[in-house]
N, C-alpha and C. Protein backbone atom coordinates (compact mmCIF):
# COMPACT_ATOMS: atom_id res chain seq x y z
N MET A 1 -89.53 170.52 -8.95
CA MET A 1 -88.38 170.93 -8.17
C MET A 1 -88.30 172.45 -8.21
N THR A 2 -88.19 173.06 -7.06
CA THR A 2 -88.12 174.51 -6.96
C THR A 2 -86.67 174.96 -6.92
N ARG A 3 -86.33 175.88 -7.78
CA ARG A 3 -84.98 176.43 -7.79
C ARG A 3 -84.93 177.62 -6.84
N ARG A 4 -83.97 177.66 -5.94
CA ARG A 4 -83.85 178.76 -4.99
C ARG A 4 -82.60 179.55 -5.32
N VAL A 5 -82.73 180.85 -5.32
CA VAL A 5 -81.65 181.76 -5.64
C VAL A 5 -81.49 182.73 -4.49
N LEU A 6 -80.26 183.03 -4.12
CA LEU A 6 -80.02 184.03 -3.08
C LEU A 6 -79.61 185.33 -3.75
N VAL A 7 -80.22 186.41 -3.33
CA VAL A 7 -79.90 187.73 -3.86
C VAL A 7 -79.34 188.55 -2.72
N ILE A 8 -78.18 189.15 -2.93
CA ILE A 8 -77.59 190.03 -1.91
C ILE A 8 -77.74 191.45 -2.41
N ALA A 9 -78.36 192.28 -1.62
CA ALA A 9 -78.48 193.69 -1.97
C ALA A 9 -77.44 194.45 -1.17
N LEU A 10 -76.60 195.19 -1.86
CA LEU A 10 -75.55 195.95 -1.22
C LEU A 10 -76.01 197.40 -1.14
N VAL A 11 -76.25 197.87 0.07
CA VAL A 11 -76.72 199.23 0.28
C VAL A 11 -75.69 199.96 1.11
N ALA A 12 -75.17 201.04 0.59
CA ALA A 12 -74.18 201.85 1.30
C ALA A 12 -73.00 201.01 1.76
N GLY A 13 -72.62 200.04 0.95
CA GLY A 13 -71.45 199.24 1.27
C GLY A 13 -71.71 198.09 2.23
N VAL A 14 -72.97 197.88 2.63
CA VAL A 14 -73.28 196.83 3.58
C VAL A 14 -74.40 195.98 3.02
N ALA A 15 -74.26 194.67 3.09
CA ALA A 15 -75.33 193.79 2.62
C ALA A 15 -76.54 194.01 3.50
N ALA A 16 -77.62 194.42 2.90
CA ALA A 16 -78.81 194.76 3.66
C ALA A 16 -79.81 193.62 3.72
N VAL A 17 -79.92 192.84 2.65
CA VAL A 17 -80.93 191.81 2.63
C VAL A 17 -80.37 190.55 1.99
N LEU A 18 -80.67 189.43 2.55
CA LEU A 18 -80.33 188.14 1.97
C LEU A 18 -81.66 187.45 1.72
N ILE A 19 -82.08 187.39 0.45
CA ILE A 19 -83.45 187.02 0.13
C ILE A 19 -83.49 185.74 -0.68
N PRO A 20 -84.09 184.67 -0.16
CA PRO A 20 -84.29 183.50 -1.00
C PRO A 20 -85.46 183.75 -1.94
N THR A 21 -85.31 183.42 -3.21
CA THR A 21 -86.41 183.56 -4.16
C THR A 21 -86.67 182.22 -4.80
N ASN A 22 -87.74 182.14 -5.56
CA ASN A 22 -88.09 180.88 -6.20
C ASN A 22 -87.55 180.78 -7.62
N GLY A 23 -86.61 181.66 -7.99
CA GLY A 23 -86.02 181.61 -9.31
C GLY A 23 -86.73 182.50 -10.32
N THR A 24 -87.89 183.00 -9.96
CA THR A 24 -88.63 183.86 -10.88
C THR A 24 -88.35 185.33 -10.62
N GLY A 25 -87.52 185.63 -9.63
CA GLY A 25 -87.22 187.02 -9.31
C GLY A 25 -87.61 187.35 -7.89
N VAL A 26 -87.27 188.54 -7.48
CA VAL A 26 -87.55 188.99 -6.12
C VAL A 26 -88.92 189.64 -6.10
N ARG A 27 -89.74 189.22 -5.17
CA ARG A 27 -91.05 189.83 -5.04
C ARG A 27 -90.90 191.18 -4.34
N ALA A 28 -91.55 192.21 -4.86
CA ALA A 28 -91.42 193.57 -4.34
C ALA A 28 -91.83 193.65 -2.88
N SER A 29 -92.74 192.82 -2.43
CA SER A 29 -93.19 192.87 -1.04
C SER A 29 -92.10 192.42 -0.07
N GLN A 30 -91.07 191.71 -0.58
CA GLN A 30 -90.01 191.21 0.28
C GLN A 30 -88.86 192.19 0.43
N VAL A 31 -88.77 193.18 -0.45
CA VAL A 31 -87.59 194.02 -0.49
C VAL A 31 -87.94 195.46 -0.15
N PRO A 32 -87.22 196.07 0.80
CA PRO A 32 -87.43 197.49 1.05
C PRO A 32 -86.90 198.30 -0.13
N ARG A 33 -87.23 199.57 -0.18
CA ARG A 33 -86.71 200.44 -1.23
C ARG A 33 -85.19 200.48 -1.13
N LEU A 34 -84.51 200.19 -2.23
CA LEU A 34 -83.06 200.13 -2.24
C LEU A 34 -82.51 201.26 -3.09
N SER A 35 -81.52 201.94 -2.58
CA SER A 35 -80.89 203.00 -3.36
C SER A 35 -79.50 202.58 -3.80
N GLY A 36 -79.10 201.36 -3.49
CA GLY A 36 -77.77 200.89 -3.81
C GLY A 36 -77.75 200.04 -5.07
N VAL A 37 -76.71 199.25 -5.19
CA VAL A 37 -76.49 198.41 -6.35
C VAL A 37 -76.52 196.95 -5.92
N VAL A 38 -77.10 196.10 -6.70
CA VAL A 38 -77.09 194.67 -6.40
C VAL A 38 -75.85 194.06 -7.03
N LEU A 39 -75.02 193.45 -6.21
CA LEU A 39 -73.78 192.84 -6.69
C LEU A 39 -73.77 191.38 -6.28
N GLY A 40 -73.15 190.54 -7.08
CA GLY A 40 -73.05 189.13 -6.75
C GLY A 40 -71.71 188.72 -6.18
N GLY A 41 -70.66 189.58 -6.29
CA GLY A 41 -69.32 189.18 -5.91
C GLY A 41 -68.88 189.63 -4.54
N ALA A 42 -69.74 190.27 -3.79
CA ALA A 42 -69.34 190.76 -2.47
C ALA A 42 -69.22 189.59 -1.50
N ASN A 43 -68.21 189.63 -0.64
CA ASN A 43 -68.02 188.60 0.38
C ASN A 43 -68.41 189.17 1.72
N GLY A 44 -69.22 188.45 2.45
CA GLY A 44 -69.64 188.94 3.75
C GLY A 44 -70.11 187.81 4.63
N MET A 45 -70.27 188.13 5.90
CA MET A 45 -70.69 187.13 6.86
C MET A 45 -71.55 187.78 7.94
N TRP A 46 -72.71 187.19 8.17
CA TRP A 46 -73.59 187.65 9.25
C TRP A 46 -73.07 187.10 10.57
N ASP A 47 -73.28 187.86 11.63
CA ASP A 47 -72.86 187.45 12.96
C ASP A 47 -74.08 187.51 13.87
N PRO A 48 -74.30 186.53 14.72
CA PRO A 48 -75.50 186.54 15.57
C PRO A 48 -75.44 187.65 16.63
N ASN A 49 -76.62 188.04 17.09
CA ASN A 49 -76.75 189.02 18.17
C ASN A 49 -76.50 188.26 19.47
N ASP A 50 -75.21 188.12 19.83
CA ASP A 50 -74.84 187.19 20.89
C ASP A 50 -73.98 187.79 22.00
N VAL A 51 -73.72 189.09 21.94
CA VAL A 51 -72.81 189.70 22.90
C VAL A 51 -73.46 190.94 23.50
N THR A 52 -73.34 191.11 24.80
CA THR A 52 -73.78 192.37 25.40
C THR A 52 -72.66 193.39 25.23
N GLY A 53 -73.02 194.60 25.11
CA GLY A 53 -72.02 195.65 24.90
C GLY A 53 -72.27 196.37 23.60
N ARG A 54 -71.55 197.42 23.38
CA ARG A 54 -71.81 198.33 22.26
C ARG A 54 -71.16 197.90 20.95
N PHE A 55 -70.27 196.94 20.97
CA PHE A 55 -69.56 196.55 19.76
C PHE A 55 -69.92 195.13 19.32
N ASP A 56 -71.21 194.79 19.33
CA ASP A 56 -71.66 193.48 18.89
C ASP A 56 -71.82 193.51 17.37
N PHE A 57 -70.93 192.81 16.66
CA PHE A 57 -70.97 192.78 15.20
C PHE A 57 -72.29 192.19 14.71
N LYS A 58 -72.81 192.78 13.64
CA LYS A 58 -73.97 192.23 12.95
C LYS A 58 -73.54 191.63 11.61
N TRP A 59 -72.59 192.30 10.97
CA TRP A 59 -72.15 191.87 9.65
C TRP A 59 -70.75 192.39 9.38
N ILE A 60 -69.94 191.60 8.70
CA ILE A 60 -68.64 192.08 8.20
C ILE A 60 -68.57 191.67 6.74
N GLY A 61 -68.13 192.60 5.92
CA GLY A 61 -68.02 192.32 4.49
C GLY A 61 -66.78 192.95 3.91
N ALA A 62 -66.19 192.29 2.96
CA ALA A 62 -64.99 192.82 2.32
C ALA A 62 -64.95 192.32 0.88
N THR A 63 -64.50 193.18 0.00
CA THR A 63 -64.35 192.81 -1.40
C THR A 63 -63.29 193.70 -2.03
N TYR A 64 -62.68 193.21 -3.08
CA TYR A 64 -61.76 194.03 -3.84
C TYR A 64 -62.54 194.88 -4.83
N THR A 65 -62.18 196.15 -4.97
CA THR A 65 -62.80 197.02 -5.95
C THR A 65 -62.13 196.81 -7.31
N SER A 66 -62.69 197.40 -8.34
CA SER A 66 -62.10 197.24 -9.68
C SER A 66 -60.72 197.88 -9.77
N SER A 67 -60.40 198.82 -8.87
CA SER A 67 -59.08 199.44 -8.87
C SER A 67 -58.08 198.72 -7.97
N GLY A 68 -58.48 197.57 -7.39
CA GLY A 68 -57.57 196.77 -6.58
C GLY A 68 -57.54 197.13 -5.11
N GLU A 69 -58.41 198.05 -4.68
CA GLU A 69 -58.47 198.40 -3.26
C GLU A 69 -59.45 197.47 -2.56
N ILE A 70 -59.37 197.44 -1.23
CA ILE A 70 -60.31 196.65 -0.44
C ILE A 70 -61.39 197.58 0.09
N HIS A 71 -62.64 197.18 -0.09
CA HIS A 71 -63.78 197.89 0.52
C HIS A 71 -64.24 197.02 1.68
N LEU A 72 -64.03 197.51 2.89
CA LEU A 72 -64.36 196.79 4.12
C LEU A 72 -65.50 197.51 4.82
N SER A 73 -66.54 196.78 5.19
CA SER A 73 -67.66 197.35 5.93
C SER A 73 -68.00 196.46 7.11
N VAL A 74 -68.33 197.09 8.21
CA VAL A 74 -68.82 196.37 9.37
C VAL A 74 -70.09 197.06 9.86
N SER A 75 -71.02 196.27 10.36
CA SER A 75 -72.21 196.85 10.98
C SER A 75 -72.38 196.21 12.35
N PHE A 76 -73.12 196.92 13.19
CA PHE A 76 -73.29 196.50 14.58
C PHE A 76 -74.77 196.47 14.92
N TYR A 77 -75.11 195.67 15.92
CA TYR A 77 -76.47 195.68 16.46
C TYR A 77 -76.67 196.97 17.24
N ASP A 78 -77.91 197.19 17.67
CA ASP A 78 -78.24 198.41 18.41
C ASP A 78 -77.30 198.62 19.59
N GLY A 79 -77.01 199.86 19.85
CA GLY A 79 -76.13 200.20 20.96
C GLY A 79 -74.81 200.79 20.50
N PHE A 80 -74.47 200.63 19.21
CA PHE A 80 -73.23 201.19 18.72
C PHE A 80 -73.36 202.70 18.56
N GLU A 81 -72.35 203.41 19.03
CA GLU A 81 -72.25 204.85 18.82
C GLU A 81 -70.78 205.16 18.57
N ARG A 82 -70.52 206.02 17.60
CA ARG A 82 -69.14 206.33 17.23
C ARG A 82 -68.35 206.92 18.39
N ARG A 83 -69.01 207.60 19.30
CA ARG A 83 -68.30 208.22 20.43
C ARG A 83 -67.66 207.20 21.37
N PHE A 84 -68.09 205.93 21.27
CA PHE A 84 -67.49 204.89 22.11
C PHE A 84 -66.25 204.26 21.50
N LEU A 85 -65.96 204.58 20.23
CA LEU A 85 -64.70 204.10 19.65
C LEU A 85 -63.55 204.78 20.37
N PRO A 86 -62.47 204.08 20.61
CA PRO A 86 -61.35 204.69 21.34
C PRO A 86 -60.63 205.75 20.51
N ARG A 87 -59.99 206.67 21.21
CA ARG A 87 -59.14 207.65 20.55
C ARG A 87 -57.73 207.09 20.38
N ASP A 88 -57.39 206.15 21.21
CA ASP A 88 -56.06 205.57 21.23
C ASP A 88 -56.15 204.12 20.74
N ILE A 89 -55.37 203.77 19.71
CA ILE A 89 -55.45 202.39 19.21
C ILE A 89 -54.86 201.39 20.18
N ASN A 90 -54.24 201.87 21.24
CA ASN A 90 -53.70 200.97 22.26
C ASN A 90 -54.69 200.67 23.37
N ASP A 91 -55.96 201.10 23.23
CA ASP A 91 -56.99 200.83 24.23
C ASP A 91 -57.37 199.36 24.12
N SER A 92 -56.83 198.54 24.99
CA SER A 92 -57.09 197.10 24.92
C SER A 92 -58.39 196.72 25.62
N TYR A 93 -59.04 197.66 26.29
CA TYR A 93 -60.27 197.34 27.01
C TYR A 93 -61.52 197.54 26.16
N SER A 94 -61.45 198.38 25.15
CA SER A 94 -62.64 198.67 24.36
C SER A 94 -62.20 199.09 22.96
N HIS A 95 -62.38 198.20 21.98
CA HIS A 95 -61.98 198.55 20.62
C HIS A 95 -62.64 197.64 19.58
N VAL A 96 -62.56 198.08 18.33
CA VAL A 96 -63.04 197.29 17.20
C VAL A 96 -61.85 197.05 16.29
N GLU A 97 -61.53 195.80 16.10
CA GLU A 97 -60.34 195.39 15.34
C GLU A 97 -60.77 194.47 14.20
N VAL A 98 -60.03 194.48 13.10
CA VAL A 98 -60.25 193.53 12.02
C VAL A 98 -58.92 192.86 11.71
N GLY A 99 -58.87 191.54 11.93
CA GLY A 99 -57.69 190.77 11.55
C GLY A 99 -57.70 190.61 10.04
N LEU A 100 -56.61 190.98 9.39
CA LEU A 100 -56.60 190.99 7.92
C LEU A 100 -55.91 189.78 7.31
N SER A 101 -54.83 189.35 7.80
CA SER A 101 -54.10 188.16 7.33
C SER A 101 -52.77 188.15 8.04
N GLY A 102 -52.35 187.00 8.47
CA GLY A 102 -51.05 186.91 9.13
C GLY A 102 -50.93 187.89 10.27
N ALA A 103 -49.90 188.73 10.22
CA ALA A 103 -49.65 189.70 11.29
C ALA A 103 -50.34 191.04 11.04
N LEU A 104 -51.11 191.16 9.96
CA LEU A 104 -51.76 192.43 9.64
C LEU A 104 -53.11 192.55 10.33
N ASN A 105 -53.33 193.68 11.00
CA ASN A 105 -54.58 193.98 11.68
C ASN A 105 -54.97 195.41 11.39
N GLY A 106 -56.24 195.72 11.58
CA GLY A 106 -56.71 197.09 11.44
C GLY A 106 -57.61 197.45 12.61
N TRP A 107 -57.61 198.71 13.00
CA TRP A 107 -58.42 199.20 14.11
C TRP A 107 -59.23 200.39 13.66
N PHE A 108 -60.50 200.44 14.03
CA PHE A 108 -61.32 201.62 13.85
C PHE A 108 -61.18 202.47 15.11
N HIS A 109 -60.88 203.73 14.96
CA HIS A 109 -60.77 204.61 16.13
C HIS A 109 -61.04 206.05 15.72
N ARG A 110 -61.19 206.90 16.72
CA ARG A 110 -61.44 208.32 16.48
C ARG A 110 -60.12 209.07 16.48
N GLN A 111 -60.04 210.07 15.60
CA GLN A 111 -58.84 210.89 15.53
C GLN A 111 -59.23 212.25 14.97
N HIS A 112 -59.00 213.29 15.74
CA HIS A 112 -59.29 214.67 15.31
C HIS A 112 -60.73 214.84 14.83
N GLY A 113 -61.69 214.28 15.56
CA GLY A 113 -63.10 214.46 15.26
C GLY A 113 -63.66 213.58 14.15
N ARG A 114 -62.88 212.66 13.64
CA ARG A 114 -63.39 211.76 12.59
C ARG A 114 -62.99 210.32 12.93
N ILE A 115 -63.54 209.39 12.18
CA ILE A 115 -63.19 207.98 12.37
C ILE A 115 -62.16 207.61 11.31
N VAL A 116 -61.12 206.90 11.74
CA VAL A 116 -60.10 206.42 10.83
C VAL A 116 -59.89 204.92 11.04
N PHE A 117 -59.36 204.30 10.02
CA PHE A 117 -58.99 202.89 10.07
C PHE A 117 -57.48 202.85 9.94
N THR A 118 -56.80 202.39 10.99
CA THR A 118 -55.35 202.28 10.99
C THR A 118 -55.01 200.80 10.86
N TRP A 119 -54.16 200.47 9.91
CA TRP A 119 -53.86 199.07 9.68
C TRP A 119 -52.40 198.86 9.34
N GLY A 120 -51.94 197.66 9.64
CA GLY A 120 -50.56 197.29 9.36
C GLY A 120 -50.12 196.19 10.29
N ASP A 121 -48.83 196.05 10.42
CA ASP A 121 -48.22 195.09 11.32
C ASP A 121 -47.92 195.85 12.61
N PHE A 122 -48.76 195.68 13.62
CA PHE A 122 -48.62 196.46 14.84
C PHE A 122 -47.42 196.05 15.68
N GLY A 123 -46.71 195.02 15.26
CA GLY A 123 -45.47 194.66 15.92
C GLY A 123 -44.34 195.59 15.53
N SER A 124 -44.54 196.35 14.47
CA SER A 124 -43.54 197.32 14.04
C SER A 124 -44.08 198.72 14.32
N SER A 125 -43.34 199.71 13.95
CA SER A 125 -43.76 201.08 14.27
C SER A 125 -44.43 201.78 13.09
N CYS A 126 -44.83 201.04 12.07
CA CYS A 126 -45.40 201.72 10.91
C CYS A 126 -46.78 201.19 10.56
N CYS A 127 -47.62 202.02 10.19
CA CYS A 127 -48.97 201.63 9.81
C CYS A 127 -49.50 202.61 8.76
N GLU A 128 -50.59 202.25 8.15
CA GLU A 128 -51.28 203.11 7.18
C GLU A 128 -52.61 203.52 7.78
N ARG A 129 -53.15 204.66 7.31
CA ARG A 129 -54.45 205.16 7.78
C ARG A 129 -55.34 205.43 6.58
N ALA A 130 -56.63 205.21 6.77
CA ALA A 130 -57.63 205.53 5.74
C ALA A 130 -58.84 206.13 6.43
N SER A 131 -59.46 207.11 5.80
CA SER A 131 -60.67 207.73 6.35
C SER A 131 -61.84 206.76 6.26
N VAL A 132 -62.71 206.81 7.24
CA VAL A 132 -63.85 205.93 7.34
C VAL A 132 -65.13 206.73 7.10
N ARG A 133 -66.03 206.17 6.31
CA ARG A 133 -67.36 206.75 6.15
C ARG A 133 -68.30 206.04 7.11
N GLN A 134 -69.33 206.74 7.51
CA GLN A 134 -70.36 206.14 8.36
C GLN A 134 -71.70 206.34 7.66
N PRO A 135 -72.05 205.45 6.70
CA PRO A 135 -73.26 205.63 5.91
C PRO A 135 -74.56 205.56 6.71
N SER A 136 -74.53 204.92 7.87
CA SER A 136 -75.67 204.93 8.78
C SER A 136 -75.10 204.86 10.20
N SER A 137 -75.96 205.01 11.18
CA SER A 137 -75.49 205.14 12.56
C SER A 137 -74.75 203.91 13.08
N ASN A 138 -75.00 202.73 12.52
CA ASN A 138 -74.33 201.53 13.03
C ASN A 138 -73.45 200.84 11.99
N VAL A 139 -72.99 201.60 10.98
CA VAL A 139 -72.17 201.04 9.91
C VAL A 139 -70.89 201.85 9.75
N LEU A 140 -69.76 201.15 9.63
CA LEU A 140 -68.48 201.77 9.32
C LEU A 140 -67.99 201.18 8.00
N SER A 141 -67.51 202.04 7.10
CA SER A 141 -67.10 201.60 5.78
C SER A 141 -65.80 202.29 5.39
N VAL A 142 -64.84 201.53 4.92
CA VAL A 142 -63.53 202.09 4.56
C VAL A 142 -63.03 201.42 3.28
N VAL A 143 -62.35 202.20 2.46
CA VAL A 143 -61.70 201.69 1.26
C VAL A 143 -60.21 201.99 1.42
N PHE A 144 -59.36 200.96 1.27
CA PHE A 144 -57.93 201.18 1.43
C PHE A 144 -57.14 200.33 0.46
N ASP A 145 -55.92 200.76 0.19
CA ASP A 145 -55.03 200.08 -0.75
C ASP A 145 -54.26 198.98 -0.01
N PRO A 146 -54.55 197.72 -0.28
CA PRO A 146 -53.88 196.64 0.45
C PRO A 146 -52.39 196.53 0.12
N CYS A 147 -51.98 197.11 -0.99
CA CYS A 147 -50.58 197.00 -1.39
C CYS A 147 -49.73 198.16 -0.90
N SER A 148 -50.34 199.12 -0.19
CA SER A 148 -49.56 200.25 0.31
C SER A 148 -48.73 199.87 1.53
N TYR A 149 -49.09 198.77 2.18
CA TYR A 149 -48.33 198.31 3.35
C TYR A 149 -48.37 196.80 3.38
N VAL A 150 -47.55 196.16 2.62
CA VAL A 150 -47.48 194.70 2.61
C VAL A 150 -46.01 194.31 2.60
N TYR A 151 -45.60 193.65 3.65
CA TYR A 151 -44.24 193.15 3.73
C TYR A 151 -44.31 191.63 3.85
N GLY A 152 -44.52 190.98 2.72
CA GLY A 152 -44.60 189.53 2.73
C GLY A 152 -45.97 188.98 3.04
N ASN A 153 -46.92 189.82 3.46
CA ASN A 153 -48.27 189.34 3.77
C ASN A 153 -49.27 190.00 2.84
N GLU A 154 -49.92 189.21 2.03
CA GLU A 154 -50.99 189.75 1.20
C GLU A 154 -52.31 189.48 1.91
N ILE A 155 -53.23 190.40 1.78
CA ILE A 155 -54.49 190.31 2.51
C ILE A 155 -55.46 189.40 1.76
N ASP A 156 -55.79 188.28 2.38
CA ASP A 156 -56.70 187.34 1.75
C ASP A 156 -57.88 186.98 2.66
N GLN A 157 -58.03 187.69 3.78
CA GLN A 157 -59.16 187.43 4.66
C GLN A 157 -59.40 188.63 5.58
N ALA A 158 -60.58 188.64 6.19
CA ALA A 158 -60.93 189.65 7.19
C ALA A 158 -61.76 188.98 8.26
N GLN A 159 -61.48 189.30 9.52
CA GLN A 159 -62.22 188.74 10.64
C GLN A 159 -62.34 189.81 11.72
N GLY A 160 -63.57 190.12 12.11
CA GLY A 160 -63.81 191.15 13.11
C GLY A 160 -63.63 190.64 14.53
N VAL A 161 -63.03 191.48 15.38
CA VAL A 161 -62.85 191.19 16.80
C VAL A 161 -63.16 192.47 17.55
N SER A 162 -64.02 192.39 18.56
CA SER A 162 -64.29 193.59 19.35
C SER A 162 -64.27 193.27 20.83
N TYR A 163 -63.90 194.28 21.60
CA TYR A 163 -63.87 194.17 23.06
C TYR A 163 -64.62 195.38 23.60
N TRP A 164 -65.44 195.12 24.60
CA TRP A 164 -66.17 196.20 25.24
C TRP A 164 -66.00 196.09 26.74
N ARG A 165 -65.60 197.20 27.37
CA ARG A 165 -65.43 197.21 28.81
C ARG A 165 -66.77 197.15 29.50
N PRO A 166 -66.92 196.99 30.76
CA PRO A 166 -65.92 197.15 31.80
C PRO A 166 -65.01 195.93 31.92
N ARG A 167 -63.92 196.13 32.60
CA ARG A 167 -62.90 195.09 32.71
C ARG A 167 -63.41 193.83 33.39
N ALA A 168 -64.24 193.99 34.41
CA ALA A 168 -64.70 192.84 35.19
C ALA A 168 -65.57 191.89 34.35
N SER A 169 -66.40 192.44 33.50
CA SER A 169 -67.28 191.60 32.69
C SER A 169 -67.15 191.98 31.22
N ARG A 170 -65.95 191.93 30.73
CA ARG A 170 -65.64 192.37 29.38
C ARG A 170 -66.33 191.50 28.33
N ALA A 171 -67.02 192.16 27.39
CA ALA A 171 -67.70 191.45 26.30
C ALA A 171 -66.76 191.37 25.11
N THR A 172 -66.67 190.20 24.52
CA THR A 172 -65.83 189.98 23.35
C THR A 172 -66.68 189.39 22.24
N ASP A 173 -66.51 189.90 21.02
CA ASP A 173 -67.23 189.35 19.88
C ASP A 173 -66.21 189.01 18.80
N LEU A 174 -66.38 187.87 18.17
CA LEU A 174 -65.49 187.39 17.11
C LEU A 174 -66.36 186.92 15.95
N THR A 175 -66.16 187.52 14.77
CA THR A 175 -66.94 187.11 13.60
C THR A 175 -66.28 185.92 12.94
N GLY A 176 -66.95 185.36 11.96
CA GLY A 176 -66.34 184.35 11.13
C GLY A 176 -65.34 185.01 10.19
N ILE A 177 -64.63 184.21 9.43
CA ILE A 177 -63.61 184.72 8.51
C ILE A 177 -64.21 184.92 7.12
N VAL A 178 -63.99 186.11 6.57
CA VAL A 178 -64.41 186.42 5.20
C VAL A 178 -63.19 186.23 4.31
N ASP A 179 -63.28 185.34 3.35
CA ASP A 179 -62.16 185.06 2.44
C ASP A 179 -62.15 186.04 1.27
N LEU A 180 -60.96 186.48 0.90
CA LEU A 180 -60.75 187.38 -0.23
C LEU A 180 -59.75 186.76 -1.18
N ALA A 181 -59.87 187.08 -2.45
CA ALA A 181 -58.85 186.66 -3.41
C ALA A 181 -57.62 187.55 -3.17
N SER A 182 -56.45 186.97 -3.15
CA SER A 182 -55.24 187.74 -2.89
C SER A 182 -54.92 188.67 -4.04
N PRO A 183 -54.53 189.92 -3.72
CA PRO A 183 -54.09 190.81 -4.78
C PRO A 183 -52.66 190.45 -5.19
N ASN A 184 -52.23 190.94 -6.29
CA ASN A 184 -50.84 190.76 -6.67
C ASN A 184 -50.13 192.07 -6.39
N CYS A 185 -49.55 192.20 -5.22
CA CYS A 185 -48.91 193.45 -4.80
C CYS A 185 -47.50 193.61 -5.36
N ASP A 186 -47.02 192.60 -6.09
CA ASP A 186 -45.66 192.68 -6.64
C ASP A 186 -45.59 193.46 -7.94
N THR A 187 -46.75 193.76 -8.53
CA THR A 187 -46.72 194.46 -9.82
C THR A 187 -46.78 195.95 -9.65
């Protein structure tokens, strides 16, 4: 009986390789040079190359850090360029959104020459912002405090949603749901 083990390599905040092994370890010929850390607790989900347009998700991953923050990363198939992210979070024709839990959502957008992640309950007038890193041309990565804006909703999941114009043939991509352990924001 062959024992199979899955190894997730986390490179620059994004799962780079999902490698089945025979239990004896990872063969060097299967793995590219990695400069990151191999972690077993990261939650992520691959998304098929199934949408035309610039915001076709490839992967979404989220995990709690040791300090209680959420590290959220998304990657896209070829065609993604940061200049296509909207400047206005109200751009309903072309945007990248992450549903966080309940009424909480987050949007990646450009602001003053950089990429930011704005999140909160968009039904109200208040939200939080966090700076976004772009470790590679098709990856967005953000770390934010889930307890800085929680009014009865704790973040226990993440799901990517993107829309790409033109209006007549708008492309929409929806990832699967990544489950997270709920933080205790009451302490």
